[in-house]
Amino acid sequence: MIKIRVGQGYDVHQLQEGRDFWLGGIKIPHTHGAVGHSDADVLIHAICDSLLGAANMRDIGYHYSDQDAKFKGIDSKILLKDVVSKITEAGYKIGNVDTTLLLQAPKIAPYIDEMKSCLAGVMGIGVEDVSIKATTTEKMGFVGRKEGVVAEAVALIYKD
């Protein structure tokens, strides 16, 4: 009997002028970038939490503390690869990952295929198993004021 589990992830980062903007494992050209202990890739962080949650392995902060200097400035793809290793060691495989980005600017549509390809490669799954959607908040709240970015993710994992 196949054991199926679902997990959800959520992350938020403040945006600041003059910083690199890493999203979905790629650098997006923009005037502002996310602030964080690592490279602040909000999309990867939400995916990590969704995978860890599905496997009942706590959250990204538990495994990769922002108080630990070894994670300062780290490429979030390294964290995602490690999360995939952790759930694989527990006997799980990734079925699919579905994500939503909330940001006012920049427009993400031109980068979705590249992000999907990057994330699928890191997770060792097919591009068709990674979904990335983006929306604005119609200029409402901190996202609408371009002060921050939000990512949500849902992951399905299973054991044969």
N, C-alpha and C. Protein backbone atom coordinates (compact mmCIF):
# COMPACT_ATOMS: atom_id res chain seq x y z
N MET A 1 0.84 -1.18 0.00
CA MET A 1 0.00 0.00 0.00
C MET A 1 0.89 1.25 0.00
N ILE A 2 0.56 2.21 -0.84
CA ILE A 2 1.32 3.45 -0.93
C ILE A 2 0.90 4.38 0.22
N LYS A 3 1.90 4.93 0.90
CA LYS A 3 1.64 5.90 1.95
C LYS A 3 1.88 7.30 1.37
N ILE A 4 0.83 8.13 1.39
CA ILE A 4 0.89 9.47 0.82
C ILE A 4 0.79 10.49 1.95
N ARG A 5 1.64 11.52 1.87
CA ARG A 5 1.61 12.61 2.86
C ARG A 5 1.68 13.95 2.12
N VAL A 6 1.07 14.95 2.70
CA VAL A 6 1.05 16.29 2.13
C VAL A 6 1.56 17.27 3.18
N GLY A 7 2.36 18.23 2.75
CA GLY A 7 2.86 19.27 3.65
C GLY A 7 2.74 20.63 3.00
N GLN A 8 2.61 21.64 3.83
CA GLN A 8 2.53 23.00 3.30
C GLN A 8 3.65 23.84 3.89
N GLY A 9 4.10 24.81 3.12
CA GLY A 9 5.15 25.71 3.57
C GLY A 9 4.80 27.14 3.24
N TYR A 10 5.30 28.05 4.05
CA TYR A 10 5.03 29.48 3.90
C TYR A 10 6.28 30.24 4.32
N ASP A 11 6.67 31.24 3.54
CA ASP A 11 7.80 32.07 3.94
C ASP A 11 7.58 33.49 3.45
N VAL A 12 8.19 34.41 4.17
CA VAL A 12 8.10 35.84 3.89
C VAL A 12 9.48 36.45 4.06
N HIS A 13 9.84 37.34 3.18
CA HIS A 13 11.09 38.10 3.33
C HIS A 13 10.85 39.55 2.95
N GLN A 14 11.51 40.41 3.67
CA GLN A 14 11.49 41.83 3.38
C GLN A 14 12.31 42.08 2.12
N LEU A 15 11.91 43.06 1.33
CA LEU A 15 12.67 43.47 0.15
C LEU A 15 13.45 44.75 0.47
N GLN A 16 14.66 44.82 -0.07
CA GLN A 16 15.52 45.98 0.19
C GLN A 16 16.24 46.35 -1.10
N GLU A 17 16.33 47.62 -1.36
CA GLU A 17 16.99 48.12 -2.56
C GLU A 17 18.48 47.74 -2.56
N GLY A 18 18.96 47.36 -3.75
CA GLY A 18 20.38 47.09 -3.92
C GLY A 18 20.83 45.68 -3.59
N ARG A 19 19.91 44.82 -3.21
CA ARG A 19 20.27 43.42 -2.90
C ARG A 19 19.96 42.53 -4.10
N ASP A 20 20.70 41.42 -4.21
CA ASP A 20 20.38 40.43 -5.24
C ASP A 20 19.04 39.79 -4.90
N PHE A 21 18.25 39.48 -5.95
CA PHE A 21 16.94 38.87 -5.75
C PHE A 21 16.98 37.44 -6.27
N TRP A 22 17.13 36.51 -5.34
CA TRP A 22 17.14 35.08 -5.66
C TRP A 22 15.75 34.54 -5.45
N LEU A 23 15.24 33.85 -6.46
CA LEU A 23 13.89 33.31 -6.41
C LEU A 23 13.83 32.02 -7.22
N GLY A 24 13.42 30.95 -6.58
CA GLY A 24 13.34 29.68 -7.28
C GLY A 24 14.68 29.18 -7.77
N GLY A 25 15.75 29.59 -7.08
CA GLY A 25 17.09 29.12 -7.42
C GLY A 25 17.80 29.92 -8.48
N ILE A 26 17.16 30.96 -9.00
CA ILE A 26 17.81 31.79 -10.03
C ILE A 26 17.83 33.25 -9.58
N LYS A 27 18.76 33.98 -10.14
CA LYS A 27 18.87 35.40 -9.83
C LYS A 27 17.98 36.18 -10.80
N ILE A 28 17.02 36.91 -10.23
CA ILE A 28 16.07 37.69 -11.02
C ILE A 28 16.56 39.14 -11.06
N PRO A 29 16.67 39.74 -12.23
CA PRO A 29 17.08 41.13 -12.28
C PRO A 29 15.98 42.03 -11.70
N HIS A 30 16.33 42.81 -10.68
CA HIS A 30 15.37 43.70 -10.04
C HIS A 30 16.12 44.71 -9.17
N THR A 31 15.50 45.82 -8.89
CA THR A 31 16.13 46.87 -8.08
C THR A 31 16.22 46.48 -6.61
N HIS A 32 15.36 45.56 -6.18
CA HIS A 32 15.29 45.14 -4.79
C HIS A 32 15.52 43.63 -4.69
N GLY A 33 16.04 43.20 -3.56
CA GLY A 33 16.21 41.78 -3.29
C GLY A 33 15.76 41.47 -1.88
N ALA A 34 15.59 40.20 -1.60
CA ALA A 34 15.10 39.77 -0.30
C ALA A 34 16.22 39.80 0.74
N VAL A 35 15.83 40.11 1.97
CA VAL A 35 16.75 40.19 3.10
C VAL A 35 16.61 38.91 3.91
N GLY A 36 17.74 38.29 4.27
CA GLY A 36 17.70 37.09 5.08
C GLY A 36 19.09 36.62 5.46
N HIS A 37 19.14 35.60 6.32
CA HIS A 37 20.41 35.04 6.78
C HIS A 37 21.12 34.30 5.64
N SER A 38 20.34 33.58 4.84
CA SER A 38 20.88 32.86 3.68
C SER A 38 20.79 33.81 2.48
N ASP A 39 20.61 33.25 1.28
CA ASP A 39 20.39 34.09 0.11
C ASP A 39 18.95 34.62 0.05
N ALA A 40 18.13 34.21 1.03
CA ALA A 40 16.75 34.69 1.20
C ALA A 40 15.83 34.30 0.05
N ASP A 41 16.03 33.12 -0.52
CA ASP A 41 15.17 32.63 -1.60
C ASP A 41 13.87 32.12 -0.98
N VAL A 42 12.89 33.00 -0.93
CA VAL A 42 11.62 32.74 -0.26
C VAL A 42 10.91 31.52 -0.85
N LEU A 43 11.02 31.31 -2.15
CA LEU A 43 10.34 30.19 -2.79
C LEU A 43 10.96 28.86 -2.36
N ILE A 44 12.26 28.78 -2.37
CA ILE A 44 12.92 27.55 -1.92
C ILE A 44 12.64 27.29 -0.45
N HIS A 45 12.63 28.34 0.37
CA HIS A 45 12.36 28.14 1.80
C HIS A 45 10.96 27.57 2.02
N ALA A 46 9.97 28.06 1.29
CA ALA A 46 8.61 27.53 1.42
C ALA A 46 8.56 26.07 0.96
N ILE A 47 9.28 25.74 -0.12
CA ILE A 47 9.31 24.35 -0.59
C ILE A 47 9.97 23.46 0.45
N CYS A 48 11.08 23.90 1.02
CA CYS A 48 11.74 23.11 2.08
C CYS A 48 10.76 22.82 3.22
N ASP A 49 10.04 23.84 3.67
CA ASP A 49 9.09 23.63 4.76
C ASP A 49 7.96 22.69 4.37
N SER A 50 7.50 22.76 3.13
CA SER A 50 6.43 21.86 2.71
C SER A 50 6.91 20.41 2.70
N LEU A 51 8.12 20.18 2.23
CA LEU A 51 8.67 18.82 2.20
C LEU A 51 8.94 18.31 3.62
N LEU A 52 9.56 19.14 4.44
CA LEU A 52 9.84 18.73 5.82
C LEU A 52 8.54 18.48 6.58
N GLY A 53 7.57 19.34 6.39
CA GLY A 53 6.28 19.16 7.06
C GLY A 53 5.59 17.88 6.64
N ALA A 54 5.62 17.58 5.35
CA ALA A 54 4.98 16.35 4.86
C ALA A 54 5.62 15.11 5.50
N ALA A 55 6.92 15.17 5.73
CA ALA A 55 7.64 14.04 6.33
C ALA A 55 7.64 14.10 7.86
N ASN A 56 6.97 15.10 8.43
CA ASN A 56 6.92 15.30 9.88
C ASN A 56 8.33 15.45 10.47
N MET A 57 9.11 16.33 9.80
CA MET A 57 10.49 16.57 10.21
C MET A 57 10.72 18.02 10.64
N ARG A 58 9.71 18.64 11.21
CA ARG A 58 9.80 20.01 11.72
C ARG A 58 9.92 21.02 10.58
N ASP A 59 10.77 22.04 10.71
CA ASP A 59 10.81 23.10 9.71
C ASP A 59 12.25 23.50 9.38
N ILE A 60 12.37 24.39 8.41
CA ILE A 60 13.67 24.81 7.90
C ILE A 60 14.52 25.46 9.00
N GLY A 61 13.90 26.24 9.87
CA GLY A 61 14.63 26.89 10.95
C GLY A 61 15.21 25.92 11.95
N TYR A 62 14.55 24.80 12.14
CA TYR A 62 15.05 23.77 13.05
C TYR A 62 16.33 23.14 12.50
N HIS A 63 16.35 22.88 11.21
CA HIS A 63 17.49 22.20 10.58
C HIS A 63 18.62 23.15 10.19
N TYR A 64 18.27 24.41 9.86
CA TYR A 64 19.26 25.36 9.34
C TYR A 64 19.05 26.70 10.04
N SER A 65 19.45 26.79 11.28
CA SER A 65 19.20 27.96 12.12
C SER A 65 19.84 29.23 11.56
N ASP A 66 19.09 30.32 11.65
CA ASP A 66 19.65 31.61 11.25
C ASP A 66 20.61 32.17 12.31
N GLN A 67 20.82 31.40 13.37
CA GLN A 67 21.81 31.75 14.39
C GLN A 67 23.15 31.04 14.13
N ASP A 68 23.17 30.16 13.15
CA ASP A 68 24.37 29.38 12.82
C ASP A 68 25.14 30.06 11.69
N ALA A 69 26.36 30.48 11.96
CA ALA A 69 27.18 31.20 10.99
C ALA A 69 27.44 30.38 9.71
N LYS A 70 27.41 29.06 9.81
CA LYS A 70 27.71 28.27 8.60
C LYS A 70 26.62 28.40 7.52
N PHE A 71 25.46 28.93 7.90
CA PHE A 71 24.40 29.13 6.92
C PHE A 71 24.31 30.57 6.43
N LYS A 72 25.18 31.44 6.92
CA LYS A 72 25.17 32.85 6.52
C LYS A 72 25.46 32.96 5.03
N GLY A 73 24.52 33.53 4.28
CA GLY A 73 24.69 33.74 2.85
C GLY A 73 24.60 32.48 2.00
N ILE A 74 24.24 31.35 2.59
CA ILE A 74 24.23 30.08 1.86
C ILE A 74 23.22 30.09 0.70
N ASP A 75 23.58 29.44 -0.37
CA ASP A 75 22.70 29.23 -1.52
C ASP A 75 21.58 28.30 -1.06
N SER A 76 20.35 28.74 -1.16
CA SER A 76 19.22 27.95 -0.69
C SER A 76 19.04 26.64 -1.45
N LYS A 77 19.61 26.55 -2.64
CA LYS A 77 19.55 25.28 -3.37
C LYS A 77 20.28 24.18 -2.58
N ILE A 78 21.32 24.55 -1.85
CA ILE A 78 22.04 23.59 -1.01
C ILE A 78 21.12 23.08 0.10
N LEU A 79 20.36 23.99 0.68
CA LEU A 79 19.41 23.58 1.73
C LEU A 79 18.34 22.66 1.17
N LEU A 80 17.79 23.01 0.00
CA LEU A 80 16.76 22.17 -0.62
C LEU A 80 17.30 20.79 -0.94
N LYS A 81 18.50 20.72 -1.47
CA LYS A 81 19.10 19.42 -1.79
C LYS A 81 19.25 18.58 -0.52
N ASP A 82 19.63 19.21 0.59
CA ASP A 82 19.76 18.50 1.85
C ASP A 82 18.41 18.05 2.38
N VAL A 83 17.38 18.88 2.24
CA VAL A 83 16.03 18.49 2.65
C VAL A 83 15.57 17.26 1.86
N VAL A 84 15.82 17.28 0.56
CA VAL A 84 15.45 16.13 -0.28
C VAL A 84 16.19 14.88 0.19
N SER A 85 17.46 15.02 0.56
CA SER A 85 18.22 13.88 1.09
C SER A 85 17.59 13.35 2.38
N LYS A 86 17.18 14.26 3.25
CA LYS A 86 16.57 13.85 4.52
C LYS A 86 15.28 13.06 4.30
N ILE A 87 14.43 13.54 3.42
CA ILE A 87 13.17 12.81 3.22
C ILE A 87 13.39 11.52 2.44
N THR A 88 14.40 11.52 1.55
CA THR A 88 14.74 10.30 0.82
C THR A 88 15.26 9.23 1.77
N GLU A 89 16.12 9.65 2.71
CA GLU A 89 16.64 8.72 3.72
C GLU A 89 15.52 8.13 4.57
N ALA A 90 14.44 8.87 4.74
CA ALA A 90 13.28 8.39 5.50
C ALA A 90 12.36 7.52 4.64
N GLY A 91 12.74 7.31 3.38
CA GLY A 91 11.98 6.42 2.50
C GLY A 91 10.95 7.09 1.62
N TYR A 92 10.92 8.42 1.61
CA TYR A 92 9.92 9.13 0.81
C TYR A 92 10.45 9.55 -0.55
N LYS A 93 9.52 9.66 -1.49
CA LYS A 93 9.78 10.21 -2.82
C LYS A 93 8.84 11.41 -2.99
N ILE A 94 9.26 12.36 -3.81
CA ILE A 94 8.43 13.53 -4.07
C ILE A 94 7.49 13.23 -5.22
N GLY A 95 6.20 13.46 -4.99
CA GLY A 95 5.21 13.32 -6.05
C GLY A 95 5.14 14.60 -6.87
N ASN A 96 4.84 15.70 -6.20
CA ASN A 96 4.82 16.99 -6.87
C ASN A 96 4.89 18.11 -5.84
N VAL A 97 5.23 19.29 -6.32
CA VAL A 97 5.30 20.50 -5.51
C VAL A 97 4.53 21.59 -6.25
N ASP A 98 3.62 22.24 -5.55
CA ASP A 98 2.82 23.33 -6.12
C ASP A 98 3.07 24.58 -5.30
N THR A 99 3.42 25.69 -5.95
CA THR A 99 3.79 26.91 -5.24
C THR A 99 3.03 28.13 -5.77
N THR A 100 2.94 29.13 -4.90
CA THR A 100 2.39 30.43 -5.28
C THR A 100 3.27 31.52 -4.71
N LEU A 101 3.65 32.47 -5.55
CA LEU A 101 4.41 33.64 -5.14
C LEU A 101 3.48 34.84 -5.08
N LEU A 102 3.64 35.65 -4.05
CA LEU A 102 2.89 36.90 -3.94
C LEU A 102 3.90 38.03 -3.94
N LEU A 103 3.90 38.82 -5.00
CA LEU A 103 4.77 39.98 -5.08
C LEU A 103 4.22 40.95 -6.11
N GLN A 104 4.43 42.21 -5.86
CA GLN A 104 3.91 43.25 -6.75
C GLN A 104 4.80 43.42 -7.97
N ALA A 105 6.10 43.33 -7.77
CA ALA A 105 7.06 43.51 -8.87
C ALA A 105 8.33 42.77 -8.48
N PRO A 106 9.07 42.26 -9.43
CA PRO A 106 8.86 42.31 -10.87
C PRO A 106 7.87 41.24 -11.33
N LYS A 107 7.50 41.30 -12.59
CA LYS A 107 6.68 40.25 -13.17
C LYS A 107 7.52 38.97 -13.25
N ILE A 108 6.95 37.88 -12.83
CA ILE A 108 7.67 36.61 -12.71
C ILE A 108 7.49 35.69 -13.91
N ALA A 109 6.43 35.89 -14.67
CA ALA A 109 6.12 34.98 -15.79
C ALA A 109 7.31 34.67 -16.68
N PRO A 110 8.16 35.65 -17.03
CA PRO A 110 9.28 35.33 -17.92
C PRO A 110 10.32 34.38 -17.31
N TYR A 111 10.28 34.18 -16.00
CA TYR A 111 11.29 33.37 -15.31
C TYR A 111 10.78 32.02 -14.82
N ILE A 112 9.49 31.77 -14.98
CA ILE A 112 8.90 30.56 -14.40
C ILE A 112 9.52 29.29 -14.97
N ASP A 113 9.69 29.19 -16.27
CA ASP A 113 10.25 27.97 -16.84
C ASP A 113 11.67 27.70 -16.33
N GLU A 114 12.49 28.75 -16.22
CA GLU A 114 13.85 28.58 -15.72
C GLU A 114 13.84 28.17 -14.24
N MET A 115 12.95 28.77 -13.45
CA MET A 115 12.84 28.39 -12.04
C MET A 115 12.39 26.94 -11.90
N LYS A 116 11.39 26.54 -12.68
CA LYS A 116 10.90 25.15 -12.63
C LYS A 116 12.01 24.17 -12.96
N SER A 117 12.76 24.47 -14.01
CA SER A 117 13.86 23.60 -14.42
C SER A 117 14.91 23.50 -13.33
N CYS A 118 15.27 24.62 -12.73
CA CYS A 118 16.26 24.64 -11.66
C CYS A 118 15.78 23.82 -10.46
N LEU A 119 14.58 24.09 -10.01
CA LEU A 119 14.04 23.40 -8.83
C LEU A 119 13.87 21.91 -9.07
N ALA A 120 13.36 21.54 -10.24
CA ALA A 120 13.20 20.12 -10.57
C ALA A 120 14.55 19.41 -10.54
N GLY A 121 15.57 20.06 -11.09
CA GLY A 121 16.91 19.47 -11.08
C GLY A 121 17.44 19.26 -9.67
N VAL A 122 17.26 20.25 -8.81
CA VAL A 122 17.74 20.13 -7.43
C VAL A 122 16.99 19.02 -6.69
N MET A 123 15.68 18.92 -6.93
CA MET A 123 14.87 17.92 -6.22
C MET A 123 14.90 16.54 -6.87
N GLY A 124 15.45 16.46 -8.09
CA GLY A 124 15.51 15.16 -8.77
C GLY A 124 14.15 14.67 -9.23
N ILE A 125 13.29 15.61 -9.65
CA ILE A 125 11.97 15.25 -10.16
C ILE A 125 11.78 15.90 -11.52
N GLY A 126 10.70 15.54 -12.20
CA GLY A 126 10.43 16.11 -13.51
C GLY A 126 9.94 17.55 -13.43
N VAL A 127 10.21 18.31 -14.46
CA VAL A 127 9.73 19.70 -14.53
C VAL A 127 8.21 19.74 -14.43
N GLU A 128 7.56 18.72 -14.96
CA GLU A 128 6.09 18.67 -14.91
C GLU A 128 5.57 18.46 -13.49
N ASP A 129 6.45 18.14 -12.56
CA ASP A 129 6.06 17.92 -11.17
C ASP A 129 6.29 19.15 -10.28
N VAL A 130 6.67 20.27 -10.91
CA VAL A 130 6.88 21.53 -10.20
C VAL A 130 5.96 22.58 -10.81
N SER A 131 5.11 23.15 -9.97
CA SER A 131 4.20 24.21 -10.42
C SER A 131 4.56 25.50 -9.70
N ILE A 132 4.68 26.59 -10.47
CA ILE A 132 4.94 27.91 -9.91
C ILE A 132 3.91 28.87 -10.47
N LYS A 133 3.17 29.47 -9.56
CA LYS A 133 2.19 30.48 -9.94
C LYS A 133 2.58 31.78 -9.24
N ALA A 134 2.18 32.91 -9.80
CA ALA A 134 2.49 34.20 -9.18
C ALA A 134 1.28 35.11 -9.27
N THR A 135 1.13 35.93 -8.23
CA THR A 135 0.05 36.90 -8.21
C THR A 135 0.51 38.14 -7.45
N THR A 136 -0.22 39.21 -7.62
CA THR A 136 0.02 40.42 -6.84
C THR A 136 -1.02 40.47 -5.72
N THR A 137 -0.94 41.48 -4.90
CA THR A 137 -1.98 41.69 -3.89
C THR A 137 -2.78 42.95 -4.24
N GLU A 138 -2.79 43.30 -5.53
CA GLU A 138 -3.54 44.46 -6.01
C GLU A 138 -3.16 45.73 -5.24
N LYS A 139 -1.86 45.86 -4.96
CA LYS A 139 -1.26 47.03 -4.29
C LYS A 139 -1.70 47.18 -2.83
N MET A 140 -2.22 46.10 -2.23
CA MET A 140 -2.62 46.15 -0.82
C MET A 140 -1.55 45.51 0.05
N GLY A 141 -1.40 46.01 1.27
CA GLY A 141 -0.50 45.43 2.26
C GLY A 141 0.97 45.59 1.92
N PHE A 142 1.84 44.91 2.71
CA PHE A 142 3.28 45.06 2.52
C PHE A 142 3.74 44.54 1.17
N VAL A 143 3.05 43.52 0.63
CA VAL A 143 3.41 43.04 -0.71
C VAL A 143 3.05 44.10 -1.74
N GLY A 144 1.87 44.66 -1.63
CA GLY A 144 1.42 45.69 -2.56
C GLY A 144 2.27 46.94 -2.52
N ARG A 145 2.83 47.25 -1.34
CA ARG A 145 3.71 48.41 -1.22
C ARG A 145 5.15 48.08 -1.64
N LYS A 146 5.37 46.86 -2.10
CA LYS A 146 6.68 46.38 -2.57
C LYS A 146 7.71 46.32 -1.44
N GLU A 147 7.23 46.06 -0.23
CA GLU A 147 8.11 45.95 0.94
C GLU A 147 8.56 44.51 1.21
N GLY A 148 7.84 43.55 0.62
CA GLY A 148 8.18 42.16 0.89
C GLY A 148 7.63 41.22 -0.17
N VAL A 149 8.04 39.97 -0.05
CA VAL A 149 7.63 38.90 -0.95
C VAL A 149 7.19 37.72 -0.10
N VAL A 150 6.18 37.01 -0.56
CA VAL A 150 5.63 35.84 0.13
C VAL A 150 5.64 34.65 -0.81
N ALA A 151 5.92 33.48 -0.27
CA ALA A 151 5.81 32.24 -1.05
C ALA A 151 5.05 31.21 -0.23
N GLU A 152 4.19 30.48 -0.90
CA GLU A 152 3.47 29.36 -0.31
C GLU A 152 3.77 28.13 -1.15
N ALA A 153 3.85 26.98 -0.49
CA ALA A 153 4.13 25.73 -1.21
C ALA A 153 3.36 24.59 -0.60
N VAL A 154 2.97 23.66 -1.44
CA VAL A 154 2.37 22.40 -1.00
C VAL A 154 3.14 21.28 -1.69
N ALA A 155 3.50 20.27 -0.92
CA ALA A 155 4.24 19.13 -1.49
C ALA A 155 3.52 17.84 -1.17
N LEU A 156 3.52 16.95 -2.13
CA LEU A 156 3.03 15.59 -1.93
C LEU A 156 4.24 14.66 -1.96
N ILE A 157 4.38 13.87 -0.91
CA ILE A 157 5.44 12.86 -0.87
C ILE A 157 4.79 11.51 -0.62
N TYR A 158 5.51 10.44 -0.96
CA TYR A 158 4.92 9.11 -0.79
C TYR A 158 6.01 8.07 -0.55
N LYS A 159 5.57 6.96 0.04
CA LYS A 159 6.39 5.75 0.17
C LYS A 159 5.67 4.65 -0.58
N ASP A 160 6.44 3.85 -1.33
CA ASP A 160 5.84 2.69 -2.04
C ASP A 160 5.43 1.63 -1.08
